[in-house]
Amino acid sequence: MRPSPSPFPEPNLPNIKAAIKWQRQTERRTLRNLDLKTRLKTLFKKAIKTAPETAPAVEAQFDKAARKGIIHPNKAARKKARLARAIRTAKAAAAAAPAATVTTTKKRGAKKG
């Protein structure tokens, strides 16, 4: 059903019924795609910061989004490579951290004053 005519019509209002439906479908798809893109960004950030063991699941989500056309396949590949690199550097830093920590003791005799 078309909205009632007004003296100031909405821009880009289609004249054909099918085009009105296409417009509605596009709005729904845009919202769905935006939601998925936001969720992918969140999964990516969480996988980098907290849980590297979730990387395969995150990579699968990127592949699925690329397969459905939500994101470009090259973007999915780039994000997966960056995720793998971030996890690799985090593991290397975690392995090097215990070896690098050296405990120092304070001298107790000298006071500053």
C-alpha atoms as a PDB file:
ATOM      1  CA  MET A   1       0.000   0.000   0.000  1.00  0.00           C
ATOM      2  CA  ARG A   2       1.382   3.369  -0.994  1.00  0.00           C
ATOM      3  CA  PRO A   3       1.512   6.218   1.491  1.00  0.00           C
ATOM      4  CA  SER A   4      -1.021   8.979   1.092  1.00  0.00           C
ATOM      5  CA  PRO A   5      -0.012  11.694  -1.347  1.00  0.00           C
ATOM      6  CA  SER A   6       1.400  14.823   0.233  1.00  0.00           C
ATOM      7  CA  PRO A   7       2.468  18.182  -1.162  1.00  0.00           C
ATOM      8  CA  PHE A   8       6.069  17.229  -0.339  1.00  0.00           C
ATOM      9  CA  PRO A   9       6.587  13.703  -1.647  1.00  0.00           C
ATOM     10  CA  GLU A  10       9.342  11.523  -0.337  1.00  0.00           C
ATOM     11  CA  PRO A  11      12.396  11.520  -2.621  1.00  0.00           C
ATOM     12  CA  ASN A  12      12.944   8.447  -4.788  1.00  0.00           C
ATOM     13  CA  LEU A  13       9.421   7.167  -4.287  1.00  0.00           C
ATOM     14  CA  PRO A  14       8.818   4.568  -6.981  1.00  0.00           C
ATOM     15  CA  ASN A  15       5.725   4.601  -9.178  1.00  0.00           C
ATOM     16  CA  ILE A  16       5.566   0.861  -9.808  1.00  0.00           C
ATOM     17  CA  LYS A  17       4.211  -1.584  -7.209  1.00  0.00           C
ATOM     18  CA  ALA A  18       7.038  -4.047  -7.763  1.00  0.00           C
ATOM     19  CA  ALA A  19       9.571  -1.270  -7.240  1.00  0.00           C
ATOM     20  CA  ILE A  20       7.923  -0.387  -3.921  1.00  0.00           C
ATOM     21  CA  LYS A  21       8.346  -4.010  -2.858  1.00  0.00           C
ATOM     22  CA  TRP A  22      11.975  -4.005  -4.022  1.00  0.00           C
ATOM     23  CA  GLN A  23      12.568  -0.946  -1.886  1.00  0.00           C
ATOM     24  CA  ARG A  24      11.120  -2.674   1.194  1.00  0.00           C
ATOM     25  CA  GLN A  25      13.209  -5.783   0.525  1.00  0.00           C
ATOM     26  CA  THR A  26      16.348  -3.694   0.136  1.00  0.00           C
ATOM     27  CA  GLU A  27      15.738  -1.971   3.472  1.00  0.00           C
ATOM     28  CA  ARG A  28      15.289  -5.325   5.230  1.00  0.00           C
ATOM     29  CA  ARG A  29      18.387  -6.809   3.614  1.00  0.00           C
ATOM     30  CA  THR A  30      20.439  -3.729   4.445  1.00  0.00           C
ATOM     31  CA  LEU A  31      19.503  -3.976   8.118  1.00  0.00           C
ATOM     32  CA  ARG A  32      20.240  -7.707   8.191  1.00  0.00           C
ATOM     33  CA  ASN A  33      23.603  -7.247   6.467  1.00  0.00           C
ATOM     34  CA  LEU A  34      24.553  -4.389   8.780  1.00  0.00           C
ATOM     35  CA  ASP A  35      23.728  -6.544  11.803  1.00  0.00           C
ATOM     36  CA  LEU A  36      25.878  -9.380  10.470  1.00  0.00           C
ATOM     37  CA  LYS A  37      28.798  -7.066   9.664  1.00  0.00           C
ATOM     38  CA  THR A  38      28.665  -5.627  13.182  1.00  0.00           C
ATOM     39  CA  ARG A  39      28.608  -9.115  14.682  1.00  0.00           C
ATOM     40  CA  LEU A  40      31.612 -10.117  12.562  1.00  0.00           C
ATOM     41  CA  LYS A  41      33.570  -7.111  13.819  1.00  0.00           C
ATOM     42  CA  THR A  42      32.733  -8.014  17.414  1.00  0.00           C
ATOM     43  CA  LEU A  43      33.713 -11.667  16.939  1.00  0.00           C
ATOM     44  CA  PHE A  44      36.986 -10.594  15.334  1.00  0.00           C
ATOM     45  CA  LYS A  45      37.901  -8.272  18.206  1.00  0.00           C
ATOM     46  CA  LYS A  46      36.959 -10.820  20.880  1.00  0.00           C
ATOM     47  CA  ALA A  47      38.947 -13.569  19.172  1.00  0.00           C
ATOM     48  CA  ILE A  48      42.040 -11.369  19.079  1.00  0.00           C
ATOM     49  CA  LYS A  49      41.818 -10.160  22.677  1.00  0.00           C
ATOM     50  CA  THR A  50      40.460 -13.011  24.718  1.00  0.00           C
ATOM     51  CA  ALA A  51      39.999 -16.384  23.113  1.00  0.00           C
ATOM     52  CA  PRO A  52      42.393 -17.523  20.365  1.00  0.00           C
ATOM     53  CA  GLU A  53      40.845 -20.997  20.440  1.00  0.00           C
ATOM     54  CA  THR A  54      37.674 -19.539  18.890  1.00  0.00           C
ATOM     55  CA  ALA A  55      39.578 -18.538  15.732  1.00  0.00           C
ATOM     56  CA  PRO A  56      38.317 -21.442  13.572  1.00  0.00           C
ATOM     57  CA  ALA A  57      34.705 -20.544  14.366  1.00  0.00           C
ATOM     58  CA  VAL A  58      35.324 -16.873  13.550  1.00  0.00           C
ATOM     59  CA  GLU A  59      37.033 -17.824  10.286  1.00  0.00           C
ATOM     60  CA  ALA A  60      34.021 -19.984   9.403  1.00  0.00           C
ATOM     61  CA  GLN A  61      31.712 -17.002  10.015  1.00  0.00           C
ATOM     62  CA  PHE A  62      33.808 -14.845   7.681  1.00  0.00           C
ATOM     63  CA  ASP A  63      33.700 -17.568   5.013  1.00  0.00           C
ATOM     64  CA  LYS A  64      29.935 -17.869   5.373  1.00  0.00           C
ATOM     65  CA  ALA A  65      29.439 -14.097   5.053  1.00  0.00           C
ATOM     66  CA  ALA A  66      31.612 -14.048   1.933  1.00  0.00           C
ATOM     67  CA  ARG A  67      29.712 -16.981   0.454  1.00  0.00           C
ATOM     68  CA  LYS A  68      26.397 -15.191   0.984  1.00  0.00           C
ATOM     69  CA  GLY A  69      27.699 -11.964  -0.525  1.00  0.00           C
ATOM     70  CA  ILE A  70      27.555  -9.925   2.691  1.00  0.00           C
ATOM     71  CA  ILE A  71      31.257  -9.096   2.444  1.00  0.00           C
ATOM     72  CA  HIS A  72      33.733  -9.447  -0.400  1.00  0.00           C
ATOM     73  CA  PRO A  73      35.691 -12.722  -0.469  1.00  0.00           C
ATOM     74  CA  ASN A  74      38.991 -10.818  -0.446  1.00  0.00           C
ATOM     75  CA  LYS A  75      37.908  -8.988   2.702  1.00  0.00           C
ATOM     76  CA  ALA A  76      37.138 -12.306   4.375  1.00  0.00           C
ATOM     77  CA  ALA A  77      40.565 -13.637   3.400  1.00  0.00           C
ATOM     78  CA  ARG A  78      42.256 -10.461   4.658  1.00  0.00           C
ATOM     79  CA  LYS A  79      40.437 -10.600   8.002  1.00  0.00           C
ATOM     80  CA  LYS A  80      41.293 -14.283   8.444  1.00  0.00           C
ATOM     81  CA  ALA A  81      44.962 -13.593   7.722  1.00  0.00           C
ATOM     82  CA  ARG A  82      45.025 -10.700  10.193  1.00  0.00           C
ATOM     83  CA  LEU A  83      43.325 -12.838  12.817  1.00  0.00           C
ATOM     84  CA  ALA A  84      45.863 -15.635  12.353  1.00  0.00           C
ATOM     85  CA  ARG A  85      48.748 -13.165  12.536  1.00  0.00           C
ATOM     86  CA  ALA A  86      47.362 -11.540  15.695  1.00  0.00           C
ATOM     87  CA  ILE A  87      46.918 -14.904  17.399  1.00  0.00           C
ATOM     88  CA  ARG A  88      50.401 -15.994  16.356  1.00  0.00           C
ATOM     89  CA  THR A  89      51.981 -12.836  17.790  1.00  0.00           C
ATOM     90  CA  ALA A  90      49.920 -13.153  20.982  1.00  0.00           C
ATOM     91  CA  LYS A  91      51.118 -16.735  21.469  1.00  0.00           C
ATOM     92  CA  ALA A  92      54.722 -15.688  20.843  1.00  0.00           C
ATOM     93  CA  ALA A  93      54.401 -12.840  23.333  1.00  0.00           C
ATOM     94  CA  ALA A  94      52.863 -15.166  25.920  1.00  0.00           C
ATOM     95  CA  ALA A  95      55.665 -17.676  25.444  1.00  0.00           C
ATOM     96  CA  ALA A  96      58.335 -14.988  25.734  1.00  0.00           C
ATOM     97  CA  ALA A  97      56.745 -13.234  28.719  1.00  0.00           C
ATOM     98  CA  PRO A  98      57.634 -15.770  31.453  1.00  0.00           C
ATOM     99  CA  ALA A  99      61.255 -15.916  30.293  1.00  0.00           C
ATOM    100  CA  ALA A 100      61.581 -12.131  30.275  1.00  0.00           C
ATOM    101  CA  THR A 101      60.287 -11.515  33.800  1.00  0.00           C
ATOM    102  CA  VAL A 102      63.079 -11.009  36.277  1.00  0.00           C
ATOM    103  CA  THR A 103      62.376 -10.179  39.871  1.00  0.00           C
ATOM    104  CA  THR A 104      64.418  -7.418  41.447  1.00  0.00           C
ATOM    105  CA  THR A 105      64.843  -6.712  45.120  1.00  0.00           C
ATOM    106  CA  LYS A 106      64.932  -3.285  46.689  1.00  0.00           C
ATOM    107  CA  LYS A 107      67.825  -2.125  48.789  1.00  0.00           C
ATOM    108  CA  ARG A 108      66.568  -1.467  52.271  1.00  0.00           C
ATOM    109  CA  GLY A 109      69.371   0.539  53.812  1.00  0.00           C
ATOM    110  CA  ALA A 110      69.373   3.775  51.841  1.00  0.00           C
ATOM    111  CA  LYS A 111      66.630   6.332  52.305  1.00  0.00           C
ATOM    112  CA  LYS A 112      66.018   9.250  50.061  1.00  0.00           C
ATOM    113  CA  GLY A 113      65.484  12.403  51.753  1.00  0.00           C
END
